[in-house]
C-alpha atoms as a PDB file:
ATOM      1  CA  MET A   1     242.468 101.286 -33.390  1.00  0.00           C
ATOM      2  CA  ASN A   2     242.851 104.886 -32.261  1.00  0.00           C
ATOM      3  CA  LYS A   3     246.122 106.621 -32.971  1.00  0.00           C
ATOM      4  CA  LEU A   4     247.841 107.874 -29.825  1.00  0.00           C
ATOM      5  CA  GLN A   5     248.576 111.575 -29.685  1.00  0.00           C
ATOM      6  CA  ASN A   6     252.026 113.024 -29.040  1.00  0.00           C
ATOM      7  CA  TYR A   7     252.255 116.067 -26.793  1.00  0.00           C
ATOM      8  CA  GLU A   8     255.134 118.480 -27.172  1.00  0.00           C
ATOM      9  CA  LEU A   9     256.578 120.896 -24.640  1.00  0.00           C
ATOM     10  CA  THR A  10     259.108 123.556 -25.596  1.00  0.00           C
ATOM     11  CA  ILE A  11     261.579 124.254 -22.808  1.00  0.00           C
ATOM     12  CA  LEU A  12     263.230 127.689 -22.732  1.00  0.00           C
ATOM     13  CA  VAL A  13     266.134 128.362 -20.380  1.00  0.00           C
ATOM     14  CA  GLY A  14     267.828 131.667 -21.119  1.00  0.00           C
ATOM     15  CA  ILE A  15     268.631 131.528 -24.835  1.00  0.00           C
ATOM     16  CA  ASP A  16     268.567 127.714 -24.977  1.00  0.00           C
ATOM     17  CA  GLU A  17     265.526 125.942 -26.370  1.00  0.00           C
ATOM     18  CA  GLN A  18     264.671 122.253 -26.338  1.00  0.00           C
ATOM     19  CA  ARG A  19     261.546 120.319 -27.296  1.00  0.00           C
ATOM     20  CA  ILE A  20     260.333 117.254 -25.483  1.00  0.00           C
ATOM     21  CA  SER A  21     257.718 115.015 -27.065  1.00  0.00           C
ATOM     22  CA  ILE A  22     255.636 112.718 -24.849  1.00  0.00           C
ATOM     23  CA  CYS A  23     253.268 110.065 -26.147  1.00  0.00           C
ATOM     24  CA  GLU A  24     249.758 109.951 -24.703  1.00  0.00           C
ATOM     25  CA  ASP A  25     250.193 106.393 -23.406  1.00  0.00           C
ATOM     26  CA  VAL A  26     253.301 107.457 -21.458  1.00  0.00           C
ATOM     27  CA  LEU A  27     251.248 110.198 -19.786  1.00  0.00           C
ATOM     28  CA  MET A  28     248.572 107.672 -18.861  1.00  0.00           C
ATOM     29  CA  ASP A  29     251.129 105.161 -17.544  1.00  0.00           C
ATOM     30  CA  ALA A  30     252.834 107.849 -15.440  1.00  0.00           C
ATOM     31  CA  GLU A  31     249.609 109.123 -13.836  1.00  0.00           C
ATOM     32  CA  PRO A  32     250.197 107.173 -10.574  1.00  0.00           C
ATOM     33  CA  ILE A  33     253.596 108.875 -10.276  1.00  0.00           C
ATOM     34  CA  PHE A  34     252.007 112.257 -11.003  1.00  0.00           C
ATOM     35  CA  GLN A  35     249.398 111.601  -8.300  1.00  0.00           C
ATOM     36  CA  LYS A  36     252.170 110.795  -5.806  1.00  0.00           C
ATOM     37  CA  MET A  37     253.938 114.029  -6.759  1.00  0.00           C
ATOM     38  CA  ASP A  38     250.680 115.927  -6.166  1.00  0.00           C
ATOM     39  CA  HIS A  39     250.255 114.194  -2.808  1.00  0.00           C
ATOM     40  CA  ASP A  40     253.814 115.041  -1.751  1.00  0.00           C
ATOM     41  CA  MET A  41     253.425 118.683  -2.821  1.00  0.00           C
ATOM     42  CA  SER A  42     250.097 119.003  -1.006  1.00  0.00           C
ATOM     43  CA  ARG A  43     252.078 118.916   2.258  1.00  0.00           C
ATOM     44  CA  GLY A  44     253.845 122.129   1.290  1.00  0.00           C
ATOM     45  CA  TRP A  45     256.923 122.937  -0.751  1.00  0.00           C
ATOM     46  CA  GLN A  46     259.773 125.396  -0.889  1.00  0.00           C
ATOM     47  CA  LEU A  47     259.111 127.592  -3.926  1.00  0.00           C
ATOM     48  CA  GLY A  48     262.122 129.789  -4.470  1.00  0.00           C
ATOM     49  CA  ARG A  49     262.688 131.693  -1.254  1.00  0.00           C
ATOM     50  CA  GLN A  50     259.290 131.054   0.275  1.00  0.00           C
ATOM     51  CA  PHE A  51     257.556 127.993   1.676  1.00  0.00           C
ATOM     52  CA  VAL A  52     254.122 127.433   0.139  1.00  0.00           C
ATOM     53  CA  PRO A  53     251.922 125.355   2.474  1.00  0.00           C
ATOM     54  CA  SER A  54     249.575 124.208  -0.286  1.00  0.00           C
ATOM     55  CA  PRO A  55     250.884 124.847  -3.824  1.00  0.00           C
ATOM     56  CA  ASN A  56     248.219 125.460  -6.465  1.00  0.00           C
ATOM     57  CA  LYS A  57     248.270 123.845  -9.924  1.00  0.00           C
ATOM     58  CA  LEU A  58     250.528 126.501 -11.444  1.00  0.00           C
ATOM     59  CA  GLN A  59     252.956 126.409  -8.512  1.00  0.00           C
ATOM     60  CA  ARG A  60     253.133 122.606  -8.746  1.00  0.00           C
ATOM     61  CA  CYS A  61     254.092 122.943 -12.390  1.00  0.00           C
ATOM     62  CA  GLN A  62     256.733 125.524 -11.447  1.00  0.00           C
ATOM     63  CA  ILE A  63     258.153 122.975  -8.999  1.00  0.00           C
ATOM     64  CA  ALA A  64     258.164 120.320 -11.737  1.00  0.00           C
ATOM     65  CA  ALA A  65     259.845 122.810 -14.097  1.00  0.00           C
ATOM     66  CA  ASP A  66     262.585 123.384 -11.513  1.00  0.00           C
ATOM     67  CA  ARG A  67     263.122 119.615 -11.351  1.00  0.00           C
ATOM     68  CA  LEU A  68     263.088 119.578 -15.165  1.00  0.00           C
ATOM     69  CA  LEU A  69     265.894 122.152 -15.149  1.00  0.00           C
ATOM     70  CA  THR A  70     267.951 119.891 -12.887  1.00  0.00           C
ATOM     71  CA  ALA A  71     267.270 116.944 -15.200  1.00  0.00           C
ATOM     72  CA  LEU A  72     268.413 119.021 -18.194  1.00  0.00           C
ATOM     73  CA  HIS A  73     271.676 119.922 -16.435  1.00  0.00           C
ATOM     74  CA  THR A  74     272.345 116.304 -15.428  1.00  0.00           C
ATOM     75  CA  GLU A  75     271.147 114.955 -18.803  1.00  0.00           C
ATOM     76  CA  ASN A  76     268.668 112.663 -17.041  1.00  0.00           C
ATOM     77  CA  SER A  77     266.247 111.951 -19.879  1.00  0.00           C
ATOM     78  CA  ALA A  78     263.892 109.815 -17.762  1.00  0.00           C
ATOM     79  CA  SER A  79     263.422 112.651 -15.273  1.00  0.00           C
ATOM     80  CA  MET A  80     263.112 115.208 -18.103  1.00  0.00           C
ATOM     81  CA  ASN A  81     260.294 113.195 -19.663  1.00  0.00           C
ATOM     82  CA  LEU A  82     258.580 112.659 -16.324  1.00  0.00           C
ATOM     83  CA  MET A  83     258.640 116.344 -15.336  1.00  0.00           C
ATOM     84  CA  ALA A  84     257.576 117.450 -18.828  1.00  0.00           C
ATOM     85  CA  GLY A  85     254.784 114.874 -18.664  1.00  0.00           C
ATOM     86  CA  PHE A  86     253.634 116.199 -15.292  1.00  0.00           C
ATOM     87  CA  ILE A  87     253.441 119.740 -16.696  1.00  0.00           C
ATOM     88  CA  LEU A  88     251.605 118.580 -19.822  1.00  0.00           C
ATOM     89  CA  SER A  89     249.122 116.571 -17.750  1.00  0.00           C
ATOM     90  CA  ARG A  90     248.404 119.339 -15.246  1.00  0.00           C
ATOM     91  CA  LEU A  91     248.243 122.402 -17.519  1.00  0.00           C
ATOM     92  CA  PRO A  92     245.958 121.618 -20.458  1.00  0.00           C
ATOM     93  CA  GLY A  93     246.947 123.601 -23.537  1.00  0.00           C
ATOM     94  CA  VAL A  94     250.493 124.319 -22.363  1.00  0.00           C
ATOM     95  CA  ALA A  95     252.961 124.585 -25.234  1.00  0.00           C
ATOM     96  CA  SER A  96     256.073 126.047 -23.640  1.00  0.00           C
ATOM     97  CA  VAL A  97     257.736 126.788 -20.343  1.00  0.00           C
ATOM     98  CA  ASN A  98     260.277 129.544 -19.748  1.00  0.00           C
ATOM     99  CA  ILE A  99     262.254 128.266 -16.756  1.00  0.00           C
ATOM    100  CA  ASN A 100     263.902 130.795 -14.473  1.00  0.00           C
ATOM    101  CA  ASP A 101     267.413 129.457 -13.872  1.00  0.00           C
ATOM    102  CA  GLU A 102     268.391 131.965 -11.189  1.00  0.00           C
ATOM    103  CA  GLY A 103     266.674 130.218  -8.279  1.00  0.00           C
ATOM    104  CA  GLU A 104     263.406 132.120  -8.560  1.00  0.00           C
ATOM    105  CA  THR A 105     261.118 129.166  -9.227  1.00  0.00           C
ATOM    106  CA  ASN A 106     258.043 131.382  -8.875  1.00  0.00           C
ATOM    107  CA  GLU A 107     259.208 133.351 -11.938  1.00  0.00           C
ATOM    108  CA  THR A 108     258.953 130.331 -14.253  1.00  0.00           C
ATOM    109  CA  MET A 109     256.247 131.056 -16.842  1.00  0.00           C
ATOM    110  CA  PHE A 110     254.022 128.814 -18.946  1.00  0.00           C
ATOM    111  CA  TYR A 111     252.516 129.670 -22.335  1.00  0.00           C
ATOM    112  CA  ASN A 112     249.777 128.120 -24.452  1.00  0.00           C
ATOM    113  CA  THR A 113     249.835 127.435 -28.202  1.00  0.00           C
ATOM    114  CA  ASP A 114     248.868 131.086 -28.888  1.00  0.00           C
ATOM    115  CA  ASN A 115     251.896 132.175 -26.819  1.00  0.00           C
ATOM    116  CA  ALA A 116     249.581 133.609 -24.163  1.00  0.00           C
ATOM    117  CA  LEU A 117     250.690 133.423 -20.554  1.00  0.00           C
ATOM    118  CA  ILE A 118     248.958 130.725 -18.500  1.00  0.00           C
ATOM    119  CA  SER A 119     248.161 132.051 -15.049  1.00  0.00           C
END
């Protein structure tokens, strides 16, 4: 029997830091939800102050990070795990996200395990 891998995402908001750990089987089980999110975003999305008609992979993760921020504020652990899972599934190698909490979703940044910016 293969051991399932845990994926970890470090969430940075200002000076606050939190880690979310997601098991590989949870990511696999949530894939239909992630596909629906992708489908919904493919119709366009408000990203900060601008409407993006077809968000790319990074922009979709910025949208998920904005939803993750809301989940953190409302202490909605199910939504936190889902949004973290979406980011982990769509940005291979991501280790951390620095979420802009001033309404500038497009300024949310993602970093890999070497702390290099993912762009």
